[in-house]
Amino acid sequence: MVLAVWARGGELNPPAGPVAPTMTSLAQLSADIAALKSSMGAGGSPKQIVRGVINFTEGEGQKSQTFSPSVDPARSLVVLGDVVYVSTPISIGAGHTRNGSCLIELTSTSITVATDAYHSMARQVSYQIIEYP
């Protein structure tokens, strides 16, 4: 049972001006995908793949790490692995051992990742940076 004592809604009067869509159209997406495919060259092979592991110490929720060789962030895709605990105490349940990771920033020589595991345990997150020509 839910009881709401006080609630406030949003503005009921829409803003002035014509109503316009705010989404990207399917035609725009198709054009972007076609441009990306044509820029990849034959077979769509990546230019390079940079792999690494970020080690989070106890209490760290976000961390930056440098890597080499450099990449062009505008032409790169980042794949993050699951958060893995370096050691899991017996007292922690299986439901607490898998947590997510999130890309915060990618520059030409560094990556910043956050995890939703702010426990006092050491963790690792693997990454792959796939750069396309």
Protein backbone atom coordinates (compact mmCIF):
# COMPACT_ATOMS: atom_id res chain seq x y z
CA MET A 1 0.00 0.00 0.00
CA VAL A 2 1.35 3.42 -0.98
CA LEU A 3 0.11 6.66 0.51
CA ALA A 4 1.13 9.99 -1.05
CA VAL A 5 0.63 12.89 1.29
CA TRP A 6 1.89 15.55 -1.12
CA ALA A 7 2.87 15.37 -4.77
CA ARG A 8 3.76 17.97 -7.39
CA GLY A 9 3.64 17.38 -11.14
CA GLY A 10 5.44 19.11 -13.95
CA GLU A 11 4.33 22.07 -16.07
CA LEU A 12 1.04 21.41 -17.86
CA ASN A 13 1.45 24.15 -20.47
CA PRO A 14 3.79 23.14 -23.32
CA PRO A 15 6.48 25.57 -24.49
CA ALA A 16 5.62 27.97 -27.32
CA GLY A 17 6.46 27.03 -30.89
CA PRO A 18 5.83 24.11 -33.19
CA VAL A 19 6.11 20.56 -31.97
CA ALA A 20 9.20 18.86 -33.44
CA PRO A 21 10.75 15.44 -32.99
CA THR A 22 13.85 15.22 -30.82
CA MET A 23 15.05 11.79 -31.97
CA THR A 24 17.53 10.98 -34.71
CA SER A 25 15.64 9.68 -37.71
CA LEU A 26 16.25 6.25 -39.19
CA ALA A 27 17.48 7.92 -42.39
CA GLN A 28 20.08 9.89 -40.41
CA LEU A 29 21.25 6.74 -38.62
CA SER A 30 21.47 4.84 -41.91
CA ALA A 31 23.57 7.62 -43.43
CA ASP A 32 25.90 7.66 -40.40
CA ILE A 33 26.32 3.86 -40.56
CA ALA A 34 27.01 3.97 -44.30
CA ALA A 35 29.63 6.71 -43.81
CA LEU A 36 31.29 4.69 -41.04
CA LYS A 37 31.35 1.53 -43.19
CA SER A 38 32.89 3.37 -46.14
CA SER A 39 35.58 4.90 -43.92
CA MET A 40 36.62 1.45 -42.64
CA GLY A 41 37.89 0.27 -45.98
CA ALA A 42 37.78 -3.29 -47.23
CA GLY A 43 36.35 -5.71 -44.71
CA GLY A 44 35.92 -3.11 -41.97
CA SER A 45 39.10 -4.21 -40.22
CA PRO A 46 40.29 -2.23 -37.21
CA LYS A 47 43.43 -0.12 -37.44
CA GLN A 48 44.62 -1.33 -34.02
CA ILE A 49 43.39 -2.85 -30.76
CA VAL A 50 44.78 -1.70 -27.42
CA ARG A 51 44.12 -3.99 -24.44
CA GLY A 52 44.68 -3.48 -20.75
CA VAL A 53 43.53 -4.04 -17.20
CA ILE A 54 42.73 -1.34 -14.64
CA ASN A 55 43.42 -2.32 -11.04
CA PHE A 56 41.17 -0.62 -8.47
CA THR A 57 42.45 -0.54 -4.90
CA GLU A 58 40.19 -0.64 -1.87
CA GLY A 59 37.65 2.20 -1.87
CA GLU A 60 38.38 3.50 -5.41
CA GLY A 61 35.24 3.97 -7.49
CA GLN A 62 36.83 5.72 -10.48
CA LYS A 63 40.33 5.47 -11.92
CA SER A 64 42.34 6.72 -14.90
CA GLN A 65 45.14 4.82 -16.60
CA THR A 66 47.48 5.68 -19.44
CA PHE A 67 48.15 3.32 -22.34
CA SER A 68 50.30 3.05 -25.43
CA PRO A 69 50.15 3.31 -28.43
CA SER A 70 47.91 6.36 -28.73
CA VAL A 71 44.47 6.20 -30.39
CA ASP A 72 42.04 8.63 -31.98
CA PRO A 73 39.09 8.70 -29.54
CA ALA A 74 36.70 9.86 -32.29
CA ARG A 75 37.43 6.69 -34.28
CA SER A 76 37.51 4.25 -31.38
CA LEU A 77 35.14 1.86 -29.66
CA VAL A 78 35.71 0.79 -26.04
CA VAL A 79 34.66 -2.61 -24.69
CA LEU A 80 34.77 -3.01 -20.90
CA GLY A 81 34.77 -6.34 -19.12
CA ASP A 82 32.88 -7.21 -15.96
CA VAL A 83 34.29 -6.03 -12.65
CA VAL A 84 36.29 -8.88 -11.16
CA TYR A 85 37.24 -9.04 -7.50
CA VAL A 86 40.89 -9.83 -6.89
CA SER A 87 39.86 -11.88 -3.87
CA THR A 88 36.34 -12.51 -2.64
CA PRO A 89 35.81 -13.12 1.07
CA ILE A 90 33.65 -16.12 1.93
CA SER A 91 31.24 -13.83 3.79
CA ILE A 92 30.10 -12.04 0.61
CA GLY A 93 27.17 -13.55 -1.25
CA ALA A 94 27.28 -14.52 -4.91
CA GLY A 95 24.82 -11.70 -5.71
CA HIS A 96 27.42 -9.15 -4.67
CA THR A 97 30.30 -10.45 -6.77
CA ARG A 98 29.21 -9.11 -10.19
CA ASN A 99 29.12 -5.37 -10.66
CA GLY A 100 29.15 -3.07 -13.66
CA SER A 101 31.75 -0.74 -15.10
CA CYS A 102 31.29 2.47 -17.06
CA LEU A 103 33.54 4.44 -19.41
CA ILE A 104 33.93 7.99 -18.12
CA GLU A 105 36.49 9.36 -20.58
CA LEU A 106 38.77 8.28 -23.40
CA THR A 107 41.66 10.47 -24.58
CA SER A 108 44.41 9.62 -27.04
CA THR A 109 46.59 8.14 -24.27
CA SER A 110 44.34 7.53 -21.24
CA ILE A 111 41.12 5.84 -20.20
CA THR A 112 38.93 6.64 -17.16
CA VAL A 113 36.56 3.97 -15.86
CA ALA A 114 34.15 3.88 -12.92
CA THR A 115 32.70 0.84 -11.19
CA ASP A 116 29.53 0.57 -9.18
CA ALA A 117 31.38 -1.48 -6.57
CA TYR A 118 32.55 0.94 -3.89
CA HIS A 119 33.37 -1.85 -1.48
CA SER A 120 36.63 -2.04 0.35
CA MET A 121 37.90 -4.82 -1.90
CA ALA A 122 40.43 -4.69 -4.72
CA ARG A 123 38.91 -5.12 -8.21
CA GLN A 124 40.00 -5.32 -11.84
CA VAL A 125 38.33 -4.21 -15.07
CA SER A 126 39.69 -5.26 -18.45
CA TYR A 127 39.30 -3.06 -21.53
CA GLN A 128 39.77 -3.18 -25.28
CA ILE A 129 40.04 -0.01 -27.34
CA ILE A 130 39.29 -0.78 -30.98
CA GLU A 131 40.39 2.01 -33.33
CA TYR A 132 39.07 2.11 -36.89
CA PRO A 133 40.83 3.80 -39.82
